[in-house]
Amino acid sequence: MTDIEIAKSVELKRITEIAKNLGIEEEEIEQYGKYKAKISSEVYEKRKNKENGKLILVTAINPTPLGEGKTTISIAVADGLSKIGKKSILALREPSLGPVFGIKGGAAGGGRVQVAPMEDINLHFTGDIHAITAANNLLSSLIDNHIYFGNELKIKEVTWKRCVDLNDRQLRVVDTGLSEEKNIVPRRDGFNITVASEIMAILCLATDIEDLKEKLGNIVIGYNEEGKPVYARDLKAEGAMAVLLKDAIKPNLVQTLEHTPAIIHGGPFANIAHGCNSIIATKMALKLGEYTITEAGFGADLGAEKFLDIKCRKAKIKPDAVVLVATIKALKYHGGVPKEDIQKENMEGLEKGLKNLLTHIDNLKNRYGLKVIVALNRYLSDTDREISFLEEELKKQNVLLSLVEGWAKGGEGAVDIANKIVKLTSDTEYINEFSMVNKEVNYVYPLEDDIKTKIEKIATKIYHAAGVDFTHEAIENIEKIQKLGYKELPVCIAKTQYSLSDDPKNLTDEGDYIIHIRDVELKAGAGFVVALAGKIMTMPGLPRVPAAETITIDKDGNVEGIF
């Protein structure tokens, strides 16, 4: 059975029942049909003085085209905890239409561990990403309208881009205002994918509607003739933008196929944005469950680093444990084994590819001071010899391994990791034996560091690069940003997800590689600085054979082809 067929074979509970099991009253949710709802901010306000549950971060090795199943493992862990009698809840990101119709496909889990209704979640869901697109493009239209009617603010350079929630490489650079109407000013523009919009980051880092409005007003849209920043608030744009986002700021409640509650809210990519779901959703989940399972995008060098150095710092939270997802196939791929041979036993390739896993373990355990457990997403092609080798190597690192079979068995296939997580986060003897215990996250850099130093620390300490090469433009922009008073913002590096380096083809992370920073951008609204590394694009393209070619709908209205 396909993922969508499995999802449709399960009878879901009404969302009011899922909410009731969390202690949420019917009047505290806004229903979007039978199985989706928005959660009122009152839910958190009523519980804000309640002790938080435990926070479990799910991250992974650098991803490969084979798929590691990070979201699948996240859902399996939540269902596994429910199986052993724990009150668990998921806090995940919303899927973007870009990858759904592109190369990745859906992002709602797979097999017996999915969030549902999966086709709704993967497509328009409750309209949050569309609202972000509208707010982003409203600001663009207000900018050009202001220039059209005389440009009172003396805007000389517009840095704000339009966006659309699709992969469309043709829109990376465009010329606008070509109608030759009187007073219209042609200019060079471009599009980001919506999940890379600063407004997506703002939504995910805002604490409430007032904070959201303030952050929207702080967006730098460009620079005037004196080289000073022009803000969205100068255009009086923040109020209307906030109105478009008044529902989008509310977290979405759905369920897994085993009826574990899931809060899905916000969806920035981790390779081009900060890769975490909203602070509002995570903090709400921590008040509602004993265990909150959340996910950071792509590999731990991107998603986990940004989760810890940006989100945790802003939200004042810390994971009680980290689940690091790997597959035997992916490790062999990182060891240089070709895709066509990946299902064959290959101890040499596995041993070589193990370096990627051990690097992420070292980062999480020894640099951040966090408790780590490796979740092996098991495949039928995995041999006992390969699994035993991996287990022995992890014992040398004093790190636990759990074989997870959630895809085939649902929560039952994640009972082992659920039990180990409970012990790892609750049992003092177990904690002392298998982990380092730190009360606070050891951030990679203090905010007092200058921007260049922060980038260098991430590159050398987390990416294990030999150094960083900055273009002249990047250095100029760093100096400009610091002169404007934004030196102490955290840094979000936009980099390929496929390698620790900035070269997507360097799968084995060989050599003394350098991270190349071609530009640095200020995101004053979101409250961080973006450093663009290598050839990473903030508007992805479609593959030769897009997933969209297999997606359709039958005469009865059933969606087919999402995987």
Protein backbone atom coordinates (compact mmCIF):
# COMPACT_ATOMS: atom_id res chain seq x y z
CA MET A 1 0.00 0.00 0.00
CA THR A 2 1.13 3.56 -0.68
CA ASP A 3 1.38 6.11 2.13
CA ILE A 4 -1.83 7.81 1.04
CA GLU A 5 -3.67 4.46 0.85
CA ILE A 6 -2.47 3.56 4.37
CA ALA A 7 -3.59 6.97 5.65
CA LYS A 8 -7.04 6.60 4.11
CA SER A 9 -7.48 3.11 5.58
CA VAL A 10 -7.36 4.49 9.14
CA GLU A 11 -10.44 5.96 10.79
CA LEU A 12 -9.45 9.26 12.34
CA LYS A 13 -10.93 10.67 15.53
CA ARG A 14 -12.73 13.99 15.35
CA ILE A 15 -10.40 16.84 16.21
CA THR A 16 -12.63 17.85 19.13
CA GLU A 17 -11.83 14.48 20.74
CA ILE A 18 -8.09 14.90 20.17
CA ALA A 19 -8.32 18.37 21.76
CA LYS A 20 -10.36 17.05 24.70
CA ASN A 21 -7.69 14.42 25.42
CA LEU A 22 -5.21 17.30 25.75
CA GLY A 23 -7.52 19.16 28.11
CA ILE A 24 -8.48 21.72 25.44
CA GLU A 25 -12.12 22.78 25.42
CA GLU A 26 -14.14 22.94 22.18
CA GLU A 27 -14.48 26.72 22.44
CA GLU A 28 -10.66 26.99 22.55
CA ILE A 29 -10.25 25.67 19.01
CA GLU A 30 -11.46 26.79 15.58
CA GLN A 31 -12.35 23.77 13.47
CA TYR A 32 -11.29 23.45 9.84
CA GLY A 33 -13.55 20.52 9.02
CA LYS A 34 -13.65 17.32 11.10
CA TYR A 35 -9.94 16.64 11.53
CA LYS A 36 -8.07 19.97 11.66
CA ALA A 37 -8.28 22.93 14.00
CA LYS A 38 -6.58 26.13 15.02
CA ILE A 39 -5.70 26.45 18.72
CA SER A 40 -6.50 29.65 20.59
CA SER A 41 -3.70 31.53 22.35
CA GLU A 42 -5.80 31.22 25.52
CA VAL A 43 -4.73 27.58 25.75
CA TYR A 44 -1.14 28.63 26.51
CA GLU A 45 -2.11 31.61 28.65
CA LYS A 46 -4.15 29.37 30.99
CA ARG A 47 -1.19 27.02 31.42
CA LYS A 48 1.83 29.33 31.24
CA ASN A 49 2.71 28.77 34.91
CA LYS A 50 2.48 24.99 34.55
CA GLU A 51 5.77 23.05 34.51
CA ASN A 52 6.99 22.15 31.02
CA GLY A 53 7.07 18.57 29.83
CA LYS A 54 10.27 17.12 28.43
CA LEU A 55 11.48 18.34 25.02
CA ILE A 56 12.91 15.80 22.58
CA LEU A 57 14.64 17.17 19.47
CA VAL A 58 14.80 14.93 16.40
CA THR A 59 17.58 15.67 13.92
CA ALA A 60 19.65 13.61 11.48
CA ILE A 61 22.86 12.98 9.60
CA ASN A 62 23.27 14.91 6.35
CA PRO A 63 20.40 13.83 4.10
CA THR A 64 20.79 11.83 0.91
CA PRO A 65 18.49 11.18 -2.08
CA LEU A 66 17.68 7.84 -0.40
CA GLY A 67 15.72 9.53 2.38
CA GLU A 68 16.49 9.18 6.08
CA GLY A 69 12.90 9.45 7.40
CA LYS A 70 13.37 12.13 10.05
CA THR A 71 9.68 13.09 10.16
CA THR A 72 8.74 9.39 10.09
CA ILE A 73 10.98 8.79 13.13
CA SER A 74 9.56 11.85 14.92
CA ILE A 75 6.03 10.51 14.53
CA ALA A 76 7.13 6.97 15.45
CA VAL A 77 8.76 8.23 18.65
CA ALA A 78 5.59 10.13 19.65
CA ASP A 79 3.42 7.08 18.92
CA GLY A 80 5.92 4.83 20.75
CA LEU A 81 5.75 7.01 23.84
CA SER A 82 1.95 6.87 23.69
CA LYS A 83 2.20 3.07 23.46
CA ILE A 84 4.07 2.89 26.77
CA GLY A 85 1.53 5.14 28.49
CA LYS A 86 3.19 8.53 28.21
CA LYS A 87 1.29 11.67 27.22
CA SER A 88 3.23 12.64 24.11
CA ILE A 89 2.63 15.37 21.57
CA LEU A 90 4.28 16.32 18.30
CA ALA A 91 5.42 19.82 17.34
CA LEU A 92 6.32 19.77 13.64
CA ARG A 93 6.73 22.10 10.64
CA GLU A 94 4.18 22.52 7.86
CA PRO A 95 5.10 21.06 4.45
CA SER A 96 5.78 23.45 1.57
CA LEU A 97 4.23 22.89 -1.84
CA GLY A 98 7.71 23.27 -3.36
CA PRO A 99 9.04 19.86 -2.29
CA VAL A 100 5.59 18.22 -2.45
CA PHE A 101 5.51 18.90 -6.20
CA GLY A 102 9.29 18.70 -6.55
CA ILE A 103 11.80 16.02 -5.63
CA LYS A 104 11.05 15.25 -1.98
CA GLY A 105 7.32 14.57 -2.10
CA GLY A 106 5.16 14.89 0.99
CA ALA A 107 6.40 15.62 4.51
CA ALA A 108 3.78 14.01 6.72
CA GLY A 109 5.68 10.83 7.62
CA GLY A 110 5.28 7.48 5.91
CA GLY A 111 3.93 3.96 6.21
CA ARG A 112 2.19 3.35 9.55
CA VAL A 113 3.54 6.55 11.09
CA GLN A 114 1.92 9.59 9.52
CA VAL A 115 0.17 12.76 10.59
CA ALA A 116 -3.31 13.04 9.14
CA PRO A 117 -5.22 14.02 7.07
CA MET A 118 -1.95 13.70 5.14
CA GLU A 119 -3.15 15.02 1.78
CA ASP A 120 -4.56 18.17 3.41
CA ILE A 121 -1.42 18.74 5.48
CA ASN A 122 0.79 18.32 2.39
CA LEU A 123 -1.31 20.63 0.23
CA HIS A 124 -3.08 23.80 1.42
CA PHE A 125 -3.62 22.70 5.06
CA THR A 126 -5.19 25.68 6.87
CA GLY A 127 -3.75 28.29 4.52
CA ASP A 128 -0.88 29.51 6.73
CA ILE A 129 1.77 29.48 4.01
CA HIS A 130 -0.59 31.22 1.58
CA ALA A 131 -1.18 33.93 4.21
CA ILE A 132 2.58 34.41 4.54
CA THR A 133 2.87 34.65 0.75
CA ALA A 134 0.12 37.30 0.69
CA ALA A 135 1.70 39.33 3.51
CA ASN A 136 5.12 39.17 1.84
CA ASN A 137 3.76 40.31 -1.52
CA LEU A 138 1.56 43.00 0.03
CA LEU A 139 4.74 44.57 1.35
CA SER A 140 6.28 44.36 -2.14
CA SER A 141 3.27 46.11 -3.67
CA LEU A 142 3.34 48.82 -1.00
CA ILE A 143 7.02 49.46 -1.71
CA ASP A 144 6.47 49.88 -5.45
CA ASN A 145 3.32 51.91 -4.89
CA HIS A 146 5.23 54.30 -2.64
CA ILE A 147 7.92 54.73 -5.30
CA TYR A 148 5.24 55.25 -8.00
CA PHE A 149 3.62 58.09 -6.05
CA GLY A 150 6.76 60.19 -5.61
CA ASN A 151 9.06 58.14 -3.33
CA GLU A 152 8.81 60.39 -0.28
CA LEU A 153 11.16 58.09 1.63
CA LYS A 154 13.83 58.49 -1.09
CA ILE A 155 14.20 54.72 -1.48
CA LYS A 156 17.26 54.06 -3.64
CA GLU A 157 17.80 50.29 -3.25
CA VAL A 158 15.03 47.74 -2.66
CA THR A 159 16.28 44.53 -1.01
CA TRP A 160 12.85 43.00 -0.30
CA LYS A 161 11.85 40.17 -2.67
CA ARG A 162 8.51 38.73 -3.65
CA CYS A 163 7.74 35.07 -2.92
CA VAL A 164 5.67 32.08 -4.04
CA ASP A 165 5.30 28.65 -2.42
CA LEU A 166 6.54 26.68 -5.42
CA ASN A 167 9.88 25.69 -6.90
CA ASP A 168 10.36 27.99 -9.91
CA ARG A 169 13.94 28.78 -10.90
CA GLN A 170 12.77 31.22 -13.61
CA LEU A 171 11.69 33.62 -10.85
CA ARG A 172 15.07 33.90 -9.14
CA VAL A 173 15.78 37.16 -10.96
CA VAL A 174 13.05 39.14 -12.76
CA ASP A 175 12.55 42.64 -14.16
CA THR A 176 9.38 44.38 -12.99
CA GLY A 177 7.52 47.52 -13.97
CA LEU A 178 7.88 47.02 -17.73
CA SER A 179 4.38 48.22 -18.71
CA GLU A 180 5.73 51.68 -19.70
CA GLU A 181 2.91 53.41 -17.84
CA LYS A 182 3.50 56.97 -16.75
CA ASN A 183 5.48 57.25 -13.47
CA ILE A 184 6.09 53.51 -13.19
CA VAL A 185 9.70 52.73 -12.29
CA PRO A 186 11.19 49.52 -13.76
CA ARG A 187 13.58 47.67 -11.46
CA ARG A 188 15.34 44.35 -11.01
CA ASP A 189 13.51 42.09 -8.54
CA GLY A 190 13.37 38.41 -7.64
CA PHE A 191 11.38 35.73 -5.83
CA ASN A 192 12.16 33.53 -2.84
CA ILE A 193 10.20 30.39 -2.07
CA THR A 194 7.75 31.34 0.70
CA VAL A 195 9.44 29.15 3.30
CA ALA A 196 12.56 31.33 2.86
CA SER A 197 10.59 34.56 3.33
CA GLU A 198 11.59 36.59 6.36
CA ILE A 199 7.90 36.63 7.25
CA MET A 200 7.95 32.85 7.69
CA ALA A 201 10.86 33.26 10.12
CA ILE A 202 9.05 36.08 11.91
CA LEU A 203 5.89 33.99 12.32
CA CYS A 204 7.97 31.15 13.79
CA LEU A 205 9.91 33.38 16.20
CA ALA A 206 7.06 35.67 17.33
CA THR A 207 5.54 35.16 20.78
CA ASP A 208 2.11 36.73 20.15
CA ILE A 209 0.23 39.00 17.73
CA GLU A 210 1.75 42.22 19.17
CA ASP A 211 5.25 40.81 18.93
CA LEU A 212 4.46 39.66 15.39
CA LYS A 213 3.36 43.17 14.41
CA GLU A 214 6.49 44.73 15.92
CA LYS A 215 8.76 42.28 14.10
CA LEU A 216 6.96 42.92 10.81
CA GLY A 217 7.53 46.63 11.28
CA ASN A 218 11.25 46.00 11.83
CA ILE A 219 11.72 44.43 8.37
CA VAL A 220 14.35 46.31 6.37
CA ILE A 221 12.93 46.68 2.84
CA GLY A 222 15.89 48.57 1.39
CA TYR A 223 18.04 51.66 1.76
CA ASN A 224 17.51 55.35 1.04
CA GLU A 225 19.74 57.84 -0.77
CA GLU A 226 21.78 58.38 2.41
CA GLY A 227 22.42 54.63 2.77
CA LYS A 228 20.13 54.37 5.80
CA PRO A 229 17.68 51.45 6.16
CA VAL A 230 14.03 51.88 5.25
CA TYR A 231 11.69 49.78 7.40
CA ALA A 232 8.27 48.27 6.72
CA ARG A 233 6.93 50.50 9.50
CA ASP A 234 8.04 53.55 7.48
CA LEU A 235 5.52 52.40 4.86
CA LYS A 236 2.89 51.81 7.58
CA ALA A 237 2.72 48.20 6.34
CA GLU A 238 2.90 46.19 9.56
CA GLY A 239 -0.77 46.53 10.53
CA ALA A 240 -2.19 45.20 7.26
CA MET A 241 0.42 42.44 7.13
CA ALA A 242 -0.48 41.36 10.67
CA VAL A 243 -4.17 41.26 9.70
CA LEU A 244 -3.33 38.80 6.90
CA LEU A 245 -1.49 36.67 9.48
CA LYS A 246 -4.06 36.86 12.30
CA ASP A 247 -5.12 33.23 11.78
CA ALA A 248 -1.76 31.95 10.55
CA ILE A 249 -0.18 32.78 13.92
CA LYS A 250 -2.46 30.25 15.63
CA PRO A 251 -0.99 26.70 15.76
CA ASN A 252 -2.73 23.85 13.93
CA LEU A 253 -3.91 20.71 15.71
CA VAL A 254 -4.11 17.35 13.90
CA GLN A 255 -3.34 13.72 14.84
CA THR A 256 -1.19 10.74 13.91
CA LEU A 257 -2.69 7.55 12.50
CA GLU A 258 -2.59 6.25 16.09
CA HIS A 259 -4.36 9.40 17.35
CA THR A 260 -1.36 10.99 19.07
CA PRO A 261 -1.93 14.77 19.00
CA ALA A 262 0.25 16.79 16.63
CA ILE A 263 0.70 20.57 16.54
CA ILE A 264 1.96 21.55 13.07
CA HIS A 265 2.88 25.18 12.63
CA GLY A 266 5.38 27.15 10.52
CA GLY A 267 7.65 25.70 7.89
CA PRO A 268 11.01 27.38 7.20
CA PHE A 269 13.56 25.24 5.35
CA ALA A 270 16.80 24.62 7.26
CA ASN A 271 19.14 24.92 4.27
CA ILE A 272 17.97 28.44 3.36
CA ALA A 273 16.17 29.54 6.55
CA HIS A 274 16.23 28.58 10.25
CA GLY A 275 14.44 25.24 9.90
CA CYS A 276 12.24 25.05 13.01
CA ASN A 277 8.52 25.14 13.72
CA SER A 278 7.09 28.06 15.67
CA ILE A 279 8.08 29.01 19.20
CA ILE A 280 4.36 29.43 19.95
CA ALA A 281 3.61 25.82 18.94
CA THR A 282 6.58 24.32 20.79
CA LYS A 283 5.94 26.21 24.03
CA MET A 284 2.24 25.33 23.86
CA ALA A 285 3.05 21.64 23.33
CA LEU A 286 5.41 21.70 26.34
CA LYS A 287 2.46 22.75 28.53
CA LEU A 288 0.10 20.12 27.09
CA GLY A 289 2.15 16.92 27.15
CA GLU A 290 4.69 14.98 29.19
CA TYR A 291 6.92 14.61 26.13
CA THR A 292 7.08 17.02 23.20
CA ILE A 293 8.72 15.62 20.08
CA THR A 294 9.94 18.32 17.73
CA GLU A 295 12.02 18.22 14.56
CA ALA A 296 14.70 20.45 13.10
CA GLY A 297 15.15 20.45 9.32
CA PHE A 298 17.77 18.52 7.31
CA GLY A 299 21.01 17.43 9.03
CA ALA A 300 22.13 18.44 12.52
CA ASP A 301 24.71 20.85 11.04
CA LEU A 302 21.81 22.97 9.77
CA GLY A 303 18.54 22.31 11.60
CA ALA A 304 19.89 21.39 15.02
CA GLU A 305 22.47 24.20 15.01
CA LYS A 306 19.78 26.77 14.21
CA PHE A 307 17.33 25.19 16.65
CA LEU A 308 19.89 25.53 19.42
CA ASP A 309 21.69 28.77 18.58
CA ILE A 310 18.64 30.71 17.35
CA LYS A 311 15.36 29.18 18.54
CA CYS A 312 16.40 27.88 21.97
CA ARG A 313 18.20 31.12 22.74
CA LYS A 314 15.14 33.21 21.81
CA ALA A 315 12.56 30.90 23.42
CA LYS A 316 14.69 30.10 26.51
CA ILE A 317 14.16 26.38 26.11
CA LYS A 318 16.54 23.39 25.95
CA PRO A 319 16.08 19.83 24.67
CA ASP A 320 16.14 17.13 27.33
CA ALA A 321 17.47 14.69 24.72
CA VAL A 322 18.32 14.59 21.03
CA VAL A 323 17.34 11.75 18.67
CA LEU A 324 19.82 11.55 15.80
CA VAL A 325 18.34 9.73 12.81
CA ALA A 326 20.46 7.59 10.48
CA THR A 327 20.03 4.72 8.03
CA ILE A 328 22.54 2.08 7.00
CA LYS A 329 21.89 2.99 3.36
CA ALA A 330 22.62 6.68 3.94
CA LEU A 331 25.82 5.95 5.86
CA LYS A 332 27.07 3.77 3.01
CA TYR A 333 26.16 6.54 0.56
CA HIS A 334 28.26 8.96 2.61
CA GLY A 335 31.00 6.35 2.41
CA GLY A 336 31.06 6.58 -1.36
CA VAL A 337 28.91 3.54 -2.21
CA PRO A 338 26.99 4.14 -5.47
CA LYS A 339 23.18 4.23 -5.30
CA GLU A 340 22.83 1.08 -7.42
CA ASP A 341 24.87 -0.92 -4.86
CA ILE A 342 23.47 0.64 -1.72
CA GLN A 343 21.31 -2.35 -0.72
CA LYS A 344 24.28 -4.74 -0.78
CA GLU A 345 26.33 -5.33 2.36
CA ASN A 346 29.41 -3.12 2.24
CA MET A 347 31.36 -2.89 5.48
CA GLU A 348 34.09 -0.69 4.03
CA GLY A 349 31.56 1.88 2.77
CA LEU A 350 29.66 1.76 6.09
CA GLU A 351 32.83 2.31 8.10
CA LYS A 352 33.85 5.24 5.91
CA GLY A 353 30.37 6.80 6.01
CA LEU A 354 30.23 6.43 9.79
CA LYS A 355 32.36 9.59 9.96
CA ASN A 356 29.30 11.70 9.14
CA LEU A 357 27.28 10.22 12.01
CA LEU A 358 30.16 10.51 14.49
CA THR A 359 30.73 14.15 13.57
CA HIS A 360 27.11 15.02 14.36
CA ILE A 361 27.28 13.04 17.61
CA ASP A 362 30.44 14.92 18.59
CA ASN A 363 28.75 18.26 17.85
CA LEU A 364 25.60 17.49 19.82
CA LYS A 365 27.21 15.69 22.74
CA ASN A 366 30.55 17.37 23.23
CA ARG A 367 30.02 20.88 21.84
CA TYR A 368 26.41 21.51 22.89
CA GLY A 369 26.47 19.21 25.94
CA LEU A 370 23.27 17.33 25.09
CA LYS A 371 22.07 13.76 25.61
CA VAL A 372 22.05 11.85 22.32
CA ILE A 373 20.45 8.61 21.17
CA VAL A 374 20.82 7.33 17.60
CA ALA A 375 17.63 6.12 15.91
CA LEU A 376 18.40 3.67 13.12
CA ASN A 377 15.49 3.79 10.69
CA ARG A 378 15.60 0.13 9.76
CA TYR A 379 15.28 -1.22 6.22
CA LEU A 380 14.91 -4.83 5.05
CA SER A 381 18.28 -4.58 3.26
CA ASP A 382 20.12 -3.90 6.56
CA THR A 383 22.19 -6.94 7.56
CA ASP A 384 22.84 -8.13 11.13
CA ARG A 385 26.56 -7.65 10.55
CA GLU A 386 26.07 -4.00 9.55
CA ILE A 387 23.79 -3.30 12.52
CA SER A 388 26.16 -5.01 14.98
CA PHE A 389 29.10 -2.99 13.64
CA LEU A 390 27.18 0.27 14.08
CA GLU A 391 26.09 -0.68 17.60
CA GLU A 392 29.65 -1.51 18.65
CA GLU A 393 31.03 1.72 17.21
CA LEU A 394 28.40 3.76 19.06
CA LYS A 395 29.19 1.98 22.33
CA LYS A 396 32.74 3.31 21.99
CA GLN A 397 31.19 6.80 21.95
CA ASN A 398 28.97 5.95 24.95
CA VAL A 399 25.90 6.56 22.78
CA LEU A 400 22.82 4.36 22.65
CA LEU A 401 21.38 2.91 19.44
CA SER A 402 17.75 1.99 18.90
CA LEU A 403 16.37 0.13 15.88
CA VAL A 404 13.13 1.84 14.88
CA GLU A 405 10.60 0.06 12.67
CA GLY A 406 7.82 2.62 12.80
CA TRP A 407 7.23 2.66 9.04
CA ALA A 408 6.14 -1.00 9.07
CA LYS A 409 4.82 -1.40 12.62
CA GLY A 410 3.66 2.03 13.75
CA GLY A 411 4.19 2.98 17.40
CA GLU A 412 4.87 -0.66 18.28
CA GLY A 413 8.04 -0.41 16.21
CA ALA A 414 9.28 2.49 18.35
CA VAL A 415 8.65 1.11 21.85
CA ASP A 416 12.37 0.43 22.38
CA ILE A 417 13.42 4.00 21.63
CA ALA A 418 10.50 5.35 23.66
CA ASN A 419 11.65 3.39 26.73
CA LYS A 420 15.24 4.50 26.22
CA ILE A 421 14.18 8.15 25.91
CA VAL A 422 12.23 7.93 29.17
CA LYS A 423 15.26 6.45 30.94
CA LEU A 424 17.67 8.88 29.30
CA THR A 425 15.64 11.85 30.50
CA SER A 426 14.44 10.55 33.88
CA ASP A 427 16.74 7.90 35.37
CA THR A 428 19.73 9.52 37.11
CA GLU A 429 21.98 6.45 36.85
CA TYR A 430 21.17 6.05 33.18
CA ILE A 431 21.77 9.75 32.51
CA ASN A 432 25.19 9.67 34.17
CA GLU A 433 26.22 6.50 32.32
CA PHE A 434 25.17 7.45 28.80
CA SER A 435 25.34 11.21 28.57
CA MET A 436 26.82 14.49 29.57
CA VAL A 437 24.55 16.52 31.81
CA ASN A 438 24.45 20.27 31.25
CA LYS A 439 21.81 22.59 32.66
CA GLU A 440 22.23 25.01 29.78
CA VAL A 441 22.94 24.66 26.07
CA ASN A 442 26.58 25.39 25.24
CA TYR A 443 25.93 27.78 22.37
CA VAL A 444 28.49 27.79 19.56
CA TYR A 445 29.02 31.54 19.96
CA PRO A 446 28.10 34.33 22.36
CA LEU A 447 25.95 37.07 20.86
CA GLU A 448 28.65 39.58 21.76
CA ASP A 449 30.92 38.16 19.04
CA ASP A 450 31.06 40.13 15.79
CA ILE A 451 29.18 38.66 12.82
CA LYS A 452 32.30 37.42 11.02
CA THR A 453 33.49 35.58 14.14
CA LYS A 454 30.09 33.93 14.61
CA ILE A 455 30.15 32.63 11.04
CA GLU A 456 33.71 31.35 11.51
CA LYS A 457 32.79 29.56 14.74
CA ILE A 458 29.83 27.77 13.14
CA ALA A 459 31.97 26.81 10.13
CA THR A 460 34.91 25.48 12.11
CA LYS A 461 33.17 24.02 15.18
CA ILE A 462 30.02 22.55 13.54
CA TYR A 463 30.91 22.09 9.86
CA HIS A 464 34.52 21.19 10.83
CA ALA A 465 35.85 23.38 8.03
CA ALA A 466 39.46 24.52 7.90
CA GLY A 467 38.33 28.12 7.59
CA VAL A 468 36.01 30.62 5.91
CA ASP A 469 36.49 32.65 2.76
CA PHE A 470 34.41 35.84 2.54
CA THR A 471 33.80 37.72 -0.70
CA HIS A 472 34.43 41.44 -0.75
CA GLU A 473 30.64 41.99 -0.93
CA ALA A 474 30.07 39.80 2.15
CA ILE A 475 32.67 41.73 4.18
CA GLU A 476 31.16 45.06 3.09
CA ASN A 477 27.68 43.95 4.11
CA ILE A 478 28.91 42.65 7.48
CA GLU A 479 30.49 46.03 8.19
CA LYS A 480 27.31 47.81 7.04
CA ILE A 481 25.08 45.65 9.26
CA GLN A 482 27.31 46.17 12.28
CA LYS A 483 27.41 49.95 11.78
CA LEU A 484 23.60 49.91 11.81
CA GLY A 485 23.73 48.39 15.32
CA TYR A 486 22.90 44.77 14.53
CA LYS A 487 26.24 43.21 15.49
CA GLU A 488 24.75 41.07 18.29
CA LEU A 489 22.16 39.22 16.19
CA PRO A 490 22.54 35.44 15.82
CA VAL A 491 23.59 34.01 12.44
CA CYS A 492 21.59 31.76 10.11
CA ILE A 493 23.84 30.16 7.47
CA ALA A 494 22.19 29.16 4.18
CA LYS A 495 24.16 26.13 3.01
CA THR A 496 23.70 22.87 1.14
CA GLN A 497 22.10 20.15 3.24
CA TYR A 498 23.93 17.27 1.53
CA SER A 499 27.37 17.81 3.01
CA LEU A 500 29.00 19.30 6.08
CA SER A 501 30.92 21.43 3.59
CA ASP A 502 29.28 23.92 1.19
CA ASP A 503 29.87 21.54 -1.72
CA PRO A 504 26.86 19.21 -2.23
CA LYS A 505 29.10 16.70 -4.04
CA ASN A 506 31.55 16.33 -1.14
CA LEU A 507 29.49 13.56 0.47
CA THR A 508 32.44 12.07 2.33
CA ASP A 509 33.47 15.49 3.71
CA GLU A 510 37.03 14.91 2.58
CA GLY A 511 39.93 17.34 2.67
CA ASP A 512 40.55 20.62 4.48
CA TYR A 513 37.54 22.32 2.95
CA ILE A 514 36.76 26.01 3.21
CA ILE A 515 33.26 27.49 3.63
CA HIS A 516 32.69 30.21 1.04
CA ILE A 517 30.43 33.07 2.15
CA ARG A 518 29.31 35.01 -0.93
CA ASP A 519 26.90 37.44 0.77
CA VAL A 520 25.41 38.41 4.12
CA GLU A 521 21.87 39.77 4.54
CA LEU A 522 20.19 41.53 7.44
CA LYS A 523 16.84 40.14 8.60
CA ALA A 524 16.07 42.72 11.27
CA GLY A 525 12.43 41.64 11.60
CA ALA A 526 13.29 38.00 12.24
CA GLY A 527 16.19 39.07 14.42
CA PHE A 528 19.07 37.30 12.70
CA VAL A 529 21.63 37.69 9.94
CA VAL A 530 21.68 35.29 6.95
CA ALA A 531 25.03 34.24 5.48
CA LEU A 532 24.80 32.69 2.00
CA ALA A 533 27.33 29.89 1.57
CA GLY A 534 28.44 28.27 -1.68
CA LYS A 535 25.85 28.13 -4.44
CA ILE A 536 22.74 27.73 -2.27
CA MET A 537 19.59 29.32 -3.76
CA THR A 538 16.62 30.75 -1.85
CA MET A 539 14.37 29.75 -4.77
CA PRO A 540 14.78 26.04 -5.58
CA GLY A 541 14.11 24.51 -9.01
CA LEU A 542 12.14 21.41 -9.99
CA PRO A 543 13.92 18.14 -10.84
CA ARG A 544 13.89 16.61 -14.32
CA VAL A 545 10.89 14.46 -13.31
CA PRO A 546 8.87 16.44 -10.72
CA ALA A 547 6.65 14.65 -8.20
CA ALA A 548 3.82 16.80 -9.62
CA GLU A 549 3.68 14.48 -12.65
CA THR A 550 2.34 11.65 -10.47
CA ILE A 551 -0.18 13.66 -8.42
CA THR A 552 -3.81 13.65 -9.53
CA ILE A 553 -7.40 13.39 -8.31
CA ASP A 554 -10.00 10.78 -9.28
CA LYS A 555 -13.69 11.27 -10.14
CA ASP A 556 -14.67 10.77 -6.48
CA GLY A 557 -12.37 13.53 -5.30
CA ASN A 558 -9.62 11.27 -3.90
CA VAL A 559 -6.10 12.67 -4.14
CA GLU A 560 -3.53 10.22 -5.50
CA GLY A 561 0.23 10.20 -5.98
CA ILE A 562 1.48 12.05 -2.88
CA PHE A 563 4.21 10.02 -1.21
